[in-house]
Amino acid sequence: RIFKLARVLKLARHSPGLQAIAYTLQNSYKELGLLIFLVCISGFIFASLTYFIEIEEDSGFTSIPAAFYWVVITMTTVGYGDIFPVTGLGKLVGTLCAVSGVLVLSLPIPII
């Protein structure tokens, strides 16, 4: 299996698109690390807020990791709909989470 992966990596030398992606990742790994760090920090903040707001309700927020799953889905605007806040304050936090997700994920893209 490793040899098959090595064969694919050899083919990358002949593909200008894959070379451009590799070059971009090599030159912007610090910015990508900062992006992942910001998503994690804001994710933990929104997950904690949402969990403690929705702890009394039967909304699916059973733990902070479950709330973090919801935050990642909301920040990336996928929105499966399996977990969602039911209180007004929880919906406000969800709205702020979605808006901040769009901002956090879209603003660093021109830098990369």
C-alpha atoms as a PDB file:
ATOM      1  CA  ARG A   1       0.000   0.000   0.000  1.00  0.00           C
ATOM      2  CA  ILE A   2       2.832   2.358   0.774  1.00  0.00           C
ATOM      3  CA  PHE A   3       4.381   1.620  -2.598  1.00  0.00           C
ATOM      4  CA  LYS A   4       1.118   2.525  -4.334  1.00  0.00           C
ATOM      5  CA  LEU A   5       1.124   5.850  -2.498  1.00  0.00           C
ATOM      6  CA  ALA A   6       4.728   6.419  -3.546  1.00  0.00           C
ATOM      7  CA  ARG A   7       3.733   5.721  -7.158  1.00  0.00           C
ATOM      8  CA  VAL A   8       1.005   8.367  -6.958  1.00  0.00           C
ATOM      9  CA  LEU A   9       3.473  10.855  -5.485  1.00  0.00           C
ATOM     10  CA  LYS A  10       5.830  10.163  -8.408  1.00  0.00           C
ATOM     11  CA  LEU A  11       3.019  11.055 -10.795  1.00  0.00           C
ATOM     12  CA  ALA A  12       2.611  14.368  -8.985  1.00  0.00           C
ATOM     13  CA  ARG A  13       5.915  15.508 -10.483  1.00  0.00           C
ATOM     14  CA  HIS A  14       4.302  15.528 -13.924  1.00  0.00           C
ATOM     15  CA  SER A  15       1.112  17.342 -12.910  1.00  0.00           C
ATOM     16  CA  PRO A  16       1.313  21.140 -12.744  1.00  0.00           C
ATOM     17  CA  GLY A  17      -1.877  21.310 -10.674  1.00  0.00           C
ATOM     18  CA  LEU A  18      -0.549  19.006  -7.967  1.00  0.00           C
ATOM     19  CA  GLN A  19       2.759  20.870  -7.993  1.00  0.00           C
ATOM     20  CA  ALA A  20       0.917  24.144  -7.446  1.00  0.00           C
ATOM     21  CA  ILE A  21      -1.021  22.668  -4.502  1.00  0.00           C
ATOM     22  CA  ALA A  22       2.178  21.295  -2.939  1.00  0.00           C
ATOM     23  CA  TYR A  23       3.943  24.637  -3.420  1.00  0.00           C
ATOM     24  CA  THR A  24       1.044  26.514  -1.842  1.00  0.00           C
ATOM     25  CA  LEU A  25       0.903  24.174   1.156  1.00  0.00           C
ATOM     26  CA  GLN A  26       4.663  24.431   1.686  1.00  0.00           C
ATOM     27  CA  ASN A  27       4.656  28.217   1.622  1.00  0.00           C
ATOM     28  CA  SER A  28       1.543  28.812   3.708  1.00  0.00           C
ATOM     29  CA  TYR A  29       1.669  26.183   6.437  1.00  0.00           C
ATOM     30  CA  LYS A  30       1.878  28.899   9.125  1.00  0.00           C
ATOM     31  CA  GLU A  31      -1.309  30.555   7.893  1.00  0.00           C
ATOM     32  CA  LEU A  32      -3.077  27.193   7.674  1.00  0.00           C
ATOM     33  CA  GLY A  33      -1.979  26.409  11.224  1.00  0.00           C
ATOM     34  CA  LEU A  34      -3.354  29.750  12.387  1.00  0.00           C
ATOM     35  CA  LEU A  35      -6.632  29.035  10.591  1.00  0.00           C
ATOM     36  CA  ILE A  36      -6.979  25.646  12.291  1.00  0.00           C
ATOM     37  CA  PHE A  37      -6.090  27.230  15.638  1.00  0.00           C
ATOM     38  CA  LEU A  38      -8.752  29.944  15.233  1.00  0.00           C
ATOM     39  CA  VAL A  39     -11.393  27.408  14.230  1.00  0.00           C
ATOM     40  CA  CYS A  40     -10.576  25.241  17.263  1.00  0.00           C
ATOM     41  CA  ILE A  41     -10.581  28.128  19.751  1.00  0.00           C
ATOM     42  CA  SER A  42     -13.812  29.622  18.440  1.00  0.00           C
ATOM     43  CA  GLY A  43     -15.266  26.122  18.227  1.00  0.00           C
ATOM     44  CA  PHE A  44     -14.584  25.403  21.883  1.00  0.00           C
ATOM     45  CA  ILE A  45     -16.033  28.767  22.901  1.00  0.00           C
ATOM     46  CA  PHE A  46     -19.234  28.295  20.906  1.00  0.00           C
ATOM     47  CA  ALA A  47     -19.518  24.636  21.959  1.00  0.00           C
ATOM     48  CA  SER A  48     -19.256  25.521  25.632  1.00  0.00           C
ATOM     49  CA  LEU A  49     -21.725  28.373  25.320  1.00  0.00           C
ATOM     50  CA  THR A  50     -24.243  26.272  23.455  1.00  0.00           C
ATOM     51  CA  TYR A  51     -23.894  23.286  25.768  1.00  0.00           C
ATOM     52  CA  PHE A  52     -24.477  25.326  28.912  1.00  0.00           C
ATOM     53  CA  ILE A  53     -27.390  27.213  27.341  1.00  0.00           C
ATOM     54  CA  GLU A  54     -29.087  24.043  26.052  1.00  0.00           C
ATOM     55  CA  ILE A  55     -28.265  21.739  28.995  1.00  0.00           C
ATOM     56  CA  GLU A  56     -31.821  21.812  30.375  1.00  0.00           C
ATOM     57  CA  GLU A  57     -33.522  21.262  27.018  1.00  0.00           C
ATOM     58  CA  ASP A  58     -33.850  18.030  25.050  1.00  0.00           C
ATOM     59  CA  SER A  59     -31.979  19.310  22.006  1.00  0.00           C
ATOM     60  CA  GLY A  60     -29.206  16.745  21.517  1.00  0.00           C
ATOM     61  CA  PHE A  61     -26.397  18.666  23.205  1.00  0.00           C
ATOM     62  CA  THR A  62     -25.411  15.876  25.586  1.00  0.00           C
ATOM     63  CA  SER A  63     -21.777  16.906  26.020  1.00  0.00           C
ATOM     64  CA  ILE A  64     -19.303  19.564  24.969  1.00  0.00           C
ATOM     65  CA  PRO A  65     -17.777  17.264  22.275  1.00  0.00           C
ATOM     66  CA  ALA A  66     -21.267  16.766  20.823  1.00  0.00           C
ATOM     67  CA  ALA A  67     -21.698  20.533  20.851  1.00  0.00           C
ATOM     68  CA  PHE A  68     -18.279  20.892  19.192  1.00  0.00           C
ATOM     69  CA  TYR A  69     -19.484  18.574  16.415  1.00  0.00           C
ATOM     70  CA  TRP A  70     -22.483  20.896  15.939  1.00  0.00           C
ATOM     71  CA  VAL A  71     -20.175  23.940  15.908  1.00  0.00           C
ATOM     72  CA  VAL A  72     -17.956  22.472  13.178  1.00  0.00           C
ATOM     73  CA  ILE A  73     -20.996  21.583  11.081  1.00  0.00           C
ATOM     74  CA  THR A  74     -22.462  25.057  11.631  1.00  0.00           C
ATOM     75  CA  MET A  75     -19.219  26.984  11.018  1.00  0.00           C
ATOM     76  CA  THR A  76     -18.627  25.201   7.738  1.00  0.00           C
ATOM     77  CA  THR A  77     -22.278  25.861   6.775  1.00  0.00           C
ATOM     78  CA  VAL A  78     -23.012  22.176   6.142  1.00  0.00           C
ATOM     79  CA  GLY A  79     -25.919  22.029   8.575  1.00  0.00           C
ATOM     80  CA  TYR A  80     -27.034  18.397   8.827  1.00  0.00           C
ATOM     81  CA  GLY A  81     -29.909  19.255  11.165  1.00  0.00           C
ATOM     82  CA  ASP A  82     -29.456  16.322  13.522  1.00  0.00           C
ATOM     83  CA  ILE A  83     -28.586  18.607  16.453  1.00  0.00           C
ATOM     84  CA  PHE A  84     -29.933  22.141  16.750  1.00  0.00           C
ATOM     85  CA  PRO A  85     -30.601  24.639  19.535  1.00  0.00           C
ATOM     86  CA  VAL A  86     -34.200  25.107  20.634  1.00  0.00           C
ATOM     87  CA  THR A  87     -33.995  28.098  22.993  1.00  0.00           C
ATOM     88  CA  GLY A  88     -33.890  31.670  21.781  1.00  0.00           C
ATOM     89  CA  LEU A  89     -30.470  32.327  23.278  1.00  0.00           C
ATOM     90  CA  GLY A  90     -29.181  29.083  21.758  1.00  0.00           C
ATOM     91  CA  LYS A  91     -30.441  30.139  18.338  1.00  0.00           C
ATOM     92  CA  LEU A  92     -28.692  33.492  18.779  1.00  0.00           C
ATOM     93  CA  VAL A  93     -25.439  31.706  19.598  1.00  0.00           C
ATOM     94  CA  GLY A  94     -25.998  29.474  16.548  1.00  0.00           C
ATOM     95  CA  THR A  95     -26.437  32.517  14.331  1.00  0.00           C
ATOM     96  CA  LEU A  96     -23.265  34.113  15.697  1.00  0.00           C
ATOM     97  CA  CYS A  97     -21.472  30.789  15.217  1.00  0.00           C
ATOM     98  CA  ALA A  98     -22.496  30.558  11.562  1.00  0.00           C
ATOM     99  CA  VAL A  99     -21.537  34.178  10.846  1.00  0.00           C
ATOM    100  CA  SER A 100     -18.194  33.863  12.616  1.00  0.00           C
ATOM    101  CA  GLY A 101     -17.554  30.593  10.782  1.00  0.00           C
ATOM    102  CA  VAL A 102     -18.018  32.281   7.438  1.00  0.00           C
ATOM    103  CA  LEU A 103     -15.716  35.100   8.506  1.00  0.00           C
ATOM    104  CA  VAL A 104     -13.048  32.888  10.082  1.00  0.00           C
ATOM    105  CA  LEU A 105     -12.968  30.484   7.152  1.00  0.00           C
ATOM    106  CA  SER A 106     -13.257  32.983   4.300  1.00  0.00           C
ATOM    107  CA  LEU A 107     -11.024  35.861   5.361  1.00  0.00           C
ATOM    108  CA  PRO A 108      -7.692  33.971   5.488  1.00  0.00           C
ATOM    109  CA  ILE A 109      -8.194  32.404   2.035  1.00  0.00           C
ATOM    110  CA  PRO A 110      -6.647  35.347   0.094  1.00  0.00           C
ATOM    111  CA  ILE A 111      -3.594  35.171   2.358  1.00  0.00           C
ATOM    112  CA  ILE A 112      -3.053  31.501   1.572  1.00  0.00           C
END
